[in-house]
Protein backbone atom coordinates (compact mmCIF):
# COMPACT_ATOMS: atom_id res chain seq x y z
CA MET A 1 110.68 111.07 84.13
CA GLU A 2 113.96 110.33 84.62
CA ALA A 3 113.32 109.21 88.92
CA TYR A 4 110.37 107.19 87.54
CA LEU A 5 111.79 105.39 84.95
CA ARG A 6 114.99 104.72 87.50
CA ARG A 7 112.45 103.82 90.54
CA LYS A 8 110.53 101.36 88.14
CA HIS A 9 113.87 99.83 87.25
CA GLU A 10 114.45 98.53 91.01
CA GLU A 11 110.85 97.26 91.42
CA VAL A 12 111.94 95.29 88.12
CA GLN A 13 114.84 93.90 89.56
CA LEU A 14 112.96 93.12 92.84
CA LEU A 15 110.73 90.96 91.33
CA ASP A 16 113.68 89.09 88.29
CA ALA A 17 115.30 88.80 92.07
CA CYS A 18 112.43 86.30 92.91
CA LEU A 19 113.40 84.38 89.55
CA ASP A 20 115.86 81.23 89.46
CA LYS A 21 117.62 82.27 86.16
CA SER A 22 117.70 86.14 85.69
CA PHE A 23 116.12 87.76 83.08
CA ALA A 24 118.76 90.84 83.39
CA PRO A 25 116.18 93.16 82.99
CA PRO A 26 116.96 96.67 81.49
CA THR A 27 116.02 100.40 82.00
CA PRO A 28 112.36 100.41 80.95
CA LYS A 29 112.62 103.91 78.50
CA SER A 30 108.97 104.29 79.28
CA ILE A 31 105.48 103.77 81.39
CA ASN A 32 104.66 101.25 78.08
CA GLU A 33 107.93 99.70 78.51
CA ALA A 34 107.41 99.01 82.07
CA ILE A 35 104.26 97.36 82.71
CA ALA A 36 105.05 95.25 79.92
CA LEU A 37 108.05 94.48 82.00
CA LYS A 38 106.41 93.58 84.85
CA PHE A 39 104.03 91.63 83.14
CA LYS A 40 106.63 89.54 81.42
CA LEU A 41 108.88 88.97 85.21
CA THR A 42 105.28 88.39 86.81
CA ALA A 43 103.93 85.65 83.97
CA ALA A 44 107.69 84.30 84.86
CA ILE A 45 107.32 83.68 88.01
CA ARG A 46 103.22 82.17 87.88
CA ALA A 47 105.47 79.72 85.86
CA GLN A 48 108.54 79.27 87.81
CA HIS A 49 106.12 78.54 91.55
CA ASP A 50 103.47 75.94 88.85
CA LEU A 51 107.31 74.22 87.85
CA LYS A 52 108.38 74.29 91.87
CA ASP A 53 105.61 73.75 93.65
CA TRP A 54 103.56 70.54 90.70
CA THR A 55 102.23 68.65 93.61
CA THR A 56 99.96 71.88 95.38
CA THR A 57 97.12 70.70 94.02
CA GLU A 58 93.49 72.15 94.69
CA THR A 59 93.14 69.51 96.79
CA ALA A 60 95.86 69.06 98.93
CA TRP A 61 97.20 66.14 97.26
CA SER A 62 100.62 65.64 98.77
CA HIS A 63 101.27 67.49 101.76
CA ARG A 64 105.27 68.42 100.82
CA ARG A 65 106.50 71.46 102.39
CA GLN A 66 106.84 73.85 99.51
CA SER A 67 109.66 74.48 98.21
CA SER A 68 108.85 78.07 96.57
CA ASP A 69 110.80 81.08 98.93
CA SER A 70 107.39 82.83 100.27
CA PRO A 71 107.31 84.36 104.21
CA PHE A 72 103.42 83.03 104.04
CA ASP A 73 102.87 78.98 104.66
CA PHE A 74 99.72 77.32 103.59
CA ARG A 75 97.60 74.63 105.40
CA TYR A 76 94.46 73.21 103.77
CA ASP A 77 92.24 70.04 102.83
CA TYR A 78 89.82 69.89 100.78
CA GLN A 79 89.48 72.28 97.61
CA ARG A 80 91.48 74.99 100.14
CA ALA A 81 88.14 75.37 102.27
CA ASP A 82 89.87 75.39 105.58
CA LEU A 83 92.66 77.63 103.75
CA ASP A 84 95.49 78.33 107.46
CA VAL A 85 97.69 81.18 106.24
CA ALA A 86 100.68 82.18 108.65
CA GLY A 87 103.42 84.86 107.63
CA PRO A 88 104.20 88.49 107.50
CA SER A 89 101.27 91.23 108.14
CA PHE A 90 100.89 93.75 105.23
CA TYR A 91 100.06 95.97 107.70
CA ASP A 92 102.95 98.11 109.91
CA LEU A 93 100.75 97.91 113.30
CA GLY A 94 103.65 97.87 115.56
CA ASP A 95 104.59 95.52 118.42
CA ASP A 96 101.79 96.53 120.55
CA ILE A 97 99.05 95.01 118.08
CA ASP A 98 97.67 91.58 117.85
CA TRP A 99 96.01 90.39 114.19
CA GLU A 100 94.26 87.67 112.73
CA THR A 101 94.51 88.19 109.23
CA VAL A 102 91.23 86.07 107.17
CA TYR A 103 92.13 86.70 103.06
CA THR A 104 90.26 85.53 100.40
CA SER A 105 89.83 85.30 96.68
CA SER A 106 89.70 89.10 95.87
CA GLY A 107 88.41 92.66 97.88
CA MET A 108 84.75 92.15 96.72
CA ALA A 109 85.01 88.93 98.46
CA SER A 110 86.41 89.77 101.76
CA ILE A 111 83.91 92.84 101.97
CA SER A 112 81.47 90.40 100.91
CA ALA A 113 82.04 87.48 103.04
CA LEU A 114 82.35 90.18 106.32
CA LEU A 115 79.11 90.82 106.05
CA LEU A 116 76.99 88.36 105.33
CA ALA A 117 78.85 86.80 108.39
CA SER A 118 77.82 89.98 110.68
CA SER A 119 74.19 88.74 110.04
CA HIS A 120 75.09 85.68 112.69
CA LEU A 121 75.51 88.94 115.20
CA PHE A 122 73.34 91.56 114.15
CA ASP A 123 69.28 91.04 113.65
CA ARG A 124 69.37 94.25 112.38
CA ALA A 125 72.05 96.92 112.19
CA ASP A 126 72.54 100.79 110.56
CA ILE A 127 75.86 101.01 108.52
CA VAL A 128 76.94 104.99 108.40
CA SER A 129 79.57 104.85 105.41
CA LEU A 130 81.32 108.86 103.94
CA PRO A 131 80.58 109.97 100.38
CA GLY A 132 83.00 107.81 98.06
CA THR A 133 82.88 104.91 99.61
CA TYR A 134 83.26 101.72 96.63
CA GLY A 135 80.60 101.30 95.08
CA GLU A 136 80.28 97.79 94.31
CA THR A 137 80.49 97.48 98.49
CA LEU A 138 77.40 99.80 98.90
CA GLU A 139 75.50 97.90 96.12
CA PHE A 140 76.36 94.60 97.34
CA ILE A 141 75.04 95.58 100.84
CA GLU A 142 71.50 97.31 99.18
CA ALA A 143 71.40 93.49 97.28
CA TYR A 144 72.44 90.69 99.51
CA ALA A 145 72.98 92.83 103.23
CA ARG A 146 69.38 92.95 104.00
CA HIS A 147 70.32 93.28 107.43
CA LEU A 148 72.00 96.57 107.74
CA LYS A 149 69.86 99.65 106.24
CA SER A 150 72.61 102.36 104.92
CA ILE A 151 72.82 105.58 105.73
CA THR A 152 75.15 108.76 104.76
CA ALA A 153 77.92 110.10 107.56
CA GLY A 154 76.36 112.65 107.42
CA GLU A 155 72.65 112.47 108.96
CA VAL A 156 74.06 110.27 111.63
CA LEU A 157 77.98 111.59 112.99
CA GLY A 158 77.49 113.21 116.33
CA ALA A 159 73.20 112.37 116.31
CA PRO A 160 72.13 109.91 118.55
CA ALA A 161 71.63 106.52 116.82
CA SER A 162 68.44 105.73 115.16
CA GLY A 163 65.73 102.46 115.57
CA ALA A 164 68.22 100.20 115.00
CA SER A 165 70.04 99.16 118.52
CA HIS A 166 73.59 98.66 116.97
CA ARG A 167 75.56 100.08 113.95
CA ILE A 168 78.71 99.54 112.17
CA LEU A 169 81.20 102.45 110.82
CA LEU A 170 82.32 101.43 107.07
CA LEU A 171 85.35 104.05 106.54
CA ASP A 172 86.76 103.67 102.67
CA SER A 173 89.73 104.79 101.48
CA CYS A 174 87.62 105.68 98.06
CA ALA A 175 86.42 108.64 100.39
CA SER A 176 87.81 112.57 100.07
CA ALA A 177 90.67 113.43 102.65
CA LYS A 178 87.85 115.80 104.00
CA ASP A 179 85.92 113.54 104.74
CA PHE A 180 87.97 111.00 106.08
CA GLU A 181 89.46 113.32 108.79
CA ALA A 182 86.19 115.31 109.16
CA CYS A 183 84.97 111.73 110.33
CA LEU A 184 88.17 110.86 112.59
CA ARG A 185 86.96 114.00 114.50
CA SER A 186 83.63 112.74 115.09
CA PRO A 187 81.91 111.20 117.96
CA TRP A 188 82.38 106.66 117.41
CA ALA A 189 81.05 105.72 121.01
CA GLN A 190 78.82 105.26 119.18
CA PHE A 191 79.83 102.24 116.55
CA ASP A 192 80.27 98.74 117.21
CA LEU A 193 82.27 98.07 114.82
CA CYS A 194 84.54 99.77 112.53
CA ILE A 195 85.20 97.43 109.23
CA PHE A 196 87.70 99.74 107.50
CA ASP A 197 87.80 99.41 103.67
CA ASN A 198 91.96 101.01 103.25
CA SER A 199 92.93 99.25 99.55
CA CYS A 200 93.59 102.30 98.29
CA LEU A 201 96.74 103.53 101.31
CA ALA A 202 100.10 102.35 101.95
CA GLY A 203 100.17 99.00 104.30
CA GLY A 204 102.27 101.72 106.25
CA SER A 205 100.33 104.70 105.92
CA GLY A 206 99.37 107.75 108.19
CA LYS A 207 95.35 107.36 108.44
CA ILE A 208 95.40 103.52 108.76
CA ALA A 209 97.82 104.58 112.33
CA ARG A 210 95.43 107.61 113.16
CA ALA A 211 92.44 105.48 112.36
CA LEU A 212 93.46 102.82 114.63
CA ARG A 213 94.84 104.93 117.55
CA LYS A 214 90.69 106.73 117.55
CA ALA A 215 88.98 102.96 117.73
CA ARG A 216 91.27 102.01 120.03
CA SER A 217 90.74 105.42 122.09
CA CYS A 218 86.49 104.57 121.78
CA GLY A 219 87.30 101.44 122.26
CA VAL A 220 85.84 100.49 118.64
CA PRO A 221 86.97 96.96 117.61
CA VAL A 222 88.23 97.32 113.38
CA ALA A 223 88.83 94.75 110.76
CA MET A 224 90.80 96.03 108.24
CA ILE A 225 89.55 94.86 104.38
CA ARG A 226 91.79 95.13 102.09
CA SER A 227 92.03 94.63 98.09
CA HIS A 228 95.52 93.92 97.30
CA THR A 229 95.54 92.58 93.74
CA LYS A 230 98.16 95.82 92.59
CA LEU A 231 99.22 98.33 95.85
CA ASP A 232 100.87 94.65 97.43
CA SER A 233 102.27 94.11 94.38
CA LEU A 234 104.18 96.06 92.94
CA GLY A 235 101.38 97.37 90.66
CA VAL A 236 101.85 93.82 89.00
CA GLU A 237 99.04 91.49 88.86
CA TYR A 238 100.38 87.74 90.94
CA GLY A 239 96.19 87.02 91.09
CA ARG A 240 93.23 88.00 92.90
CA LEU A 241 94.10 88.34 96.69
CA GLY A 242 91.85 90.22 99.57
CA SER A 243 92.03 90.16 103.62
CA THR A 244 89.95 90.89 106.20
CA THR A 245 91.93 92.05 109.52
CA PHE A 246 90.89 91.74 112.84
CA VAL A 247 92.98 94.26 115.08
CA ARG A 248 93.25 94.61 117.92
CA SER A 249 95.36 96.17 120.98
CA ALA A 250 97.41 93.82 123.42
CA GLU A 251 97.09 95.74 126.54
CA ALA A 252 92.73 95.82 125.94
CA ASP A 253 91.57 93.32 124.42
CA LEU A 254 88.27 94.65 122.66
CA TRP A 255 87.33 91.60 120.46
CA VAL A 256 87.35 89.40 123.33
CA ARG A 257 85.50 91.54 126.19
CA SER A 258 83.35 91.63 122.19
CA PRO A 259 80.01 89.67 120.93
CA LEU A 260 82.33 90.03 117.94
CA ARG A 261 84.52 87.72 119.06
CA LYS A 262 82.56 85.46 116.29
CA LEU A 263 83.29 87.20 113.71
CA PRO A 264 86.55 85.99 112.18
CA ASP A 265 85.07 82.56 112.78
CA GLU A 266 82.05 83.37 111.10
CA MET A 267 83.64 85.43 108.08
CA ARG A 268 85.70 81.62 107.51
CA ASN A 269 82.39 79.78 107.64
CA ALA A 270 81.22 82.32 104.87
CA ILE A 271 84.12 81.99 103.02
CA ARG A 272 83.75 77.94 102.59
CA LEU A 273 80.37 78.04 101.56
CA LEU A 274 80.42 80.79 99.34
CA GLY A 275 84.06 79.12 97.89
CA GLY A 276 86.01 82.48 98.47
CA ALA A 277 88.79 81.45 99.66
CA ALA A 278 92.52 82.32 98.68
CA LEU A 279 94.68 80.98 95.48
CA PRO A 280 98.41 80.05 97.35
CA ALA A 281 100.17 81.47 94.43
CA HIS A 282 99.07 84.74 94.34
CA PHE A 283 100.38 85.37 97.14
CA PRO A 284 103.66 87.85 96.61
CA PRO A 285 106.65 86.03 96.63
C-alpha cells in the first residue's frame, strides 16, 4: 500500500505540474484521498483551459492559436464537424509504422462510426468476435449494423468462409488471455480487416505489438479502436474521448492497395453526420 500511495503521489504531482499555480498536493494517505486529489486537480486543469482559451468556441469563433501547452493542435470550423487533430500517438508503434487517427467523443462513438462506415464498402460481411467482447459493441452490431452477421470465433477460426464474401475480425482486449492467444495462433488470411478494441491495454502493450505483427504477416489491414477516458489520463476524466487509428506499415501499405483505403474518410463522414466529433478540451494536457 505504501508503494501504491507513493506512485499515486507521483501521478498527482504530474497533474499538478500542468497548472500555472501549484496546489502543492500532499501525499495521499488512502485510496479515497488519492481519487479526491486527482478529481480536484482535473477540475482545476479544465478550468484553467477554459480561462486561457475562452475564444475557442464550438463554432471556432476565433482562429487564434490555442495558448495551452497541450501537445495536440486542433483545426476546425462549424461545430467541430471537420475537426482535424495533429499530435502524438497514444501508441508505441515504432518507426516503421505509419498511422492515421480519427478522434471521436467516446470509444462507442468510434466503433459505431467505423461499423456504419463499413456499410459503404461491404454489402454483407461476417464479423467474427471472441467470447467476452464488449457487450455494447455486439448490441450495436445487432441493432444498427444489419450488413454485418455476428458470429463467434469458435465457429470459424481455421474454417473456410461462409456465404458472406467478406469477413472482419473483431479483436477485443476484454476477451480472456486464453481466447486472445488462440486467436493470434489461428489463420488470419480469411479476414479483410481486423478491428482491434484495445481500450483495456496500455499503449505500449506487448499484446498490441503482437497483434499488429500478426496482421502485418497475414496482410490484414488494422483499425485500432480506443476509449481514452481513464487509461490514458492517469485514471481521471478530462472528458470523454475515443479514437480509431488506422495502421499501415511503411514498407507495404496495405491500406493503399485495398478498397478499405476509403474507410477513414467514410468514417469522418459518419462522425460529421452523427455529431460525434471529439472535444479539444478532453485531450490530456
